[in-house]
Amino acid sequence: MSREEKRLIKKAKIVYKKIFPCGGKETLEECFSKYNDKLFLWFDTEDDSTHLITEEMQYK
């Protein structure tokens, strides 16, 4: 798992406390998408809502 992915999961847990994979996925690692220079994390919360948070990708 990349540094950015770990950071997004941590950020989501700080804001929403408990998060779960969405869309029939079994792990949070399966819930990432990339588009251009952004990384997206899709996840569900305890109230069965789906959320999305993003982060700019860091290139070396």
C-alpha atoms as a PDB file:
ATOM      1  CA  MET A   1       0.000   0.000   0.000  1.00  0.00           C
ATOM      2  CA  SER A   2       1.344   3.421  -0.937  1.00  0.00           C
ATOM      3  CA  ARG A   3       2.008   6.298   1.435  1.00  0.00           C
ATOM      4  CA  GLU A   4      -0.877   8.233  -0.121  1.00  0.00           C
ATOM      5  CA  GLU A   5      -3.283   5.308   0.336  1.00  0.00           C
ATOM      6  CA  LYS A   6      -2.336   4.953   3.994  1.00  0.00           C
ATOM      7  CA  ARG A   7      -2.774   8.695   4.490  1.00  0.00           C
ATOM      8  CA  LEU A   8      -6.259   8.678   2.929  1.00  0.00           C
ATOM      9  CA  ILE A   9      -7.408   5.769   5.098  1.00  0.00           C
ATOM     10  CA  LYS A  10      -6.079   7.531   8.194  1.00  0.00           C
ATOM     11  CA  LYS A  11      -7.789  10.799   7.193  1.00  0.00           C
ATOM     12  CA  ALA A  12     -11.114   9.005   6.611  1.00  0.00           C
ATOM     13  CA  LYS A  13     -10.922   7.262   9.995  1.00  0.00           C
ATOM     14  CA  ILE A  14     -10.234  10.554  11.784  1.00  0.00           C
ATOM     15  CA  VAL A  15     -13.297  12.185  10.234  1.00  0.00           C
ATOM     16  CA  TYR A  16     -15.742   9.241  10.104  1.00  0.00           C
ATOM     17  CA  LYS A  17     -14.358   6.948  12.867  1.00  0.00           C
ATOM     18  CA  LYS A  18     -15.421   3.576  11.402  1.00  0.00           C
ATOM     19  CA  ILE A  19     -15.095   3.026   7.673  1.00  0.00           C
ATOM     20  CA  PHE A  20     -15.818  -0.027   5.555  1.00  0.00           C
ATOM     21  CA  PRO A  21     -15.182  -1.131   1.967  1.00  0.00           C
ATOM     22  CA  CYS A  22     -17.984  -0.210  -0.421  1.00  0.00           C
ATOM     23  CA  GLY A  23     -19.374  -1.576  -3.656  1.00  0.00           C
ATOM     24  CA  GLY A  24     -19.025  -5.225  -2.755  1.00  0.00           C
ATOM     25  CA  LYS A  25     -15.289  -4.915  -2.093  1.00  0.00           C
ATOM     26  CA  GLU A  26     -13.774  -6.919   0.743  1.00  0.00           C
ATOM     27  CA  THR A  27     -10.857  -4.661   1.728  1.00  0.00           C
ATOM     28  CA  LEU A  28     -10.226  -0.925   1.769  1.00  0.00           C
ATOM     29  CA  GLU A  29      -7.198  -1.513  -0.474  1.00  0.00           C
ATOM     30  CA  GLU A  30      -9.665  -2.402  -3.261  1.00  0.00           C
ATOM     31  CA  CYS A  31     -11.505   0.925  -2.855  1.00  0.00           C
ATOM     32  CA  PHE A  32      -8.951   3.226  -4.477  1.00  0.00           C
ATOM     33  CA  SER A  33      -9.149   4.843  -7.906  1.00  0.00           C
ATOM     34  CA  LYS A  34      -6.622   7.046  -9.680  1.00  0.00           C
ATOM     35  CA  TYR A  35      -7.327   9.765 -12.198  1.00  0.00           C
ATOM     36  CA  ASN A  36      -4.652  12.088 -13.546  1.00  0.00           C
ATOM     37  CA  ASP A  37      -2.728  13.224 -10.463  1.00  0.00           C
ATOM     38  CA  LYS A  38      -5.435  12.411  -7.884  1.00  0.00           C
ATOM     39  CA  LEU A  39      -6.014   9.370  -5.710  1.00  0.00           C
ATOM     40  CA  PHE A  40      -9.594   8.624  -4.622  1.00  0.00           C
ATOM     41  CA  LEU A  41     -10.796   6.513  -1.691  1.00  0.00           C
ATOM     42  CA  TRP A  42     -14.394   5.311  -1.782  1.00  0.00           C
ATOM     43  CA  PHE A  43     -15.792   3.892   1.461  1.00  0.00           C
ATOM     44  CA  ASP A  44     -18.968   3.328   3.479  1.00  0.00           C
ATOM     45  CA  THR A  45     -19.722   4.462   7.017  1.00  0.00           C
ATOM     46  CA  GLU A  46     -21.881   2.933   9.758  1.00  0.00           C
ATOM     47  CA  ASP A  47     -24.986   4.743   8.487  1.00  0.00           C
ATOM     48  CA  ASP A  48     -24.634   2.935   5.108  1.00  0.00           C
ATOM     49  CA  SER A  49     -23.552   6.132   3.334  1.00  0.00           C
ATOM     50  CA  THR A  50     -20.840   6.069   0.687  1.00  0.00           C
ATOM     51  CA  HIS A  51     -18.141   8.748   0.833  1.00  0.00           C
ATOM     52  CA  LEU A  52     -15.228   9.853  -1.319  1.00  0.00           C
ATOM     53  CA  ILE A  53     -12.041  11.621  -0.283  1.00  0.00           C
ATOM     54  CA  THR A  54      -9.133  12.587  -2.518  1.00  0.00           C
ATOM     55  CA  GLU A  55      -5.475  13.439  -2.346  1.00  0.00           C
ATOM     56  CA  GLU A  56      -2.936  14.726  -4.831  1.00  0.00           C
ATOM     57  CA  MET A  57      -0.438  12.076  -5.855  1.00  0.00           C
ATOM     58  CA  GLN A  58       3.166  12.730  -4.832  1.00  0.00           C
ATOM     59  CA  TYR A  59       5.631  11.889  -7.571  1.00  0.00           C
ATOM     60  CA  LYS A  60       9.342  11.380  -7.055  1.00  0.00           C
END
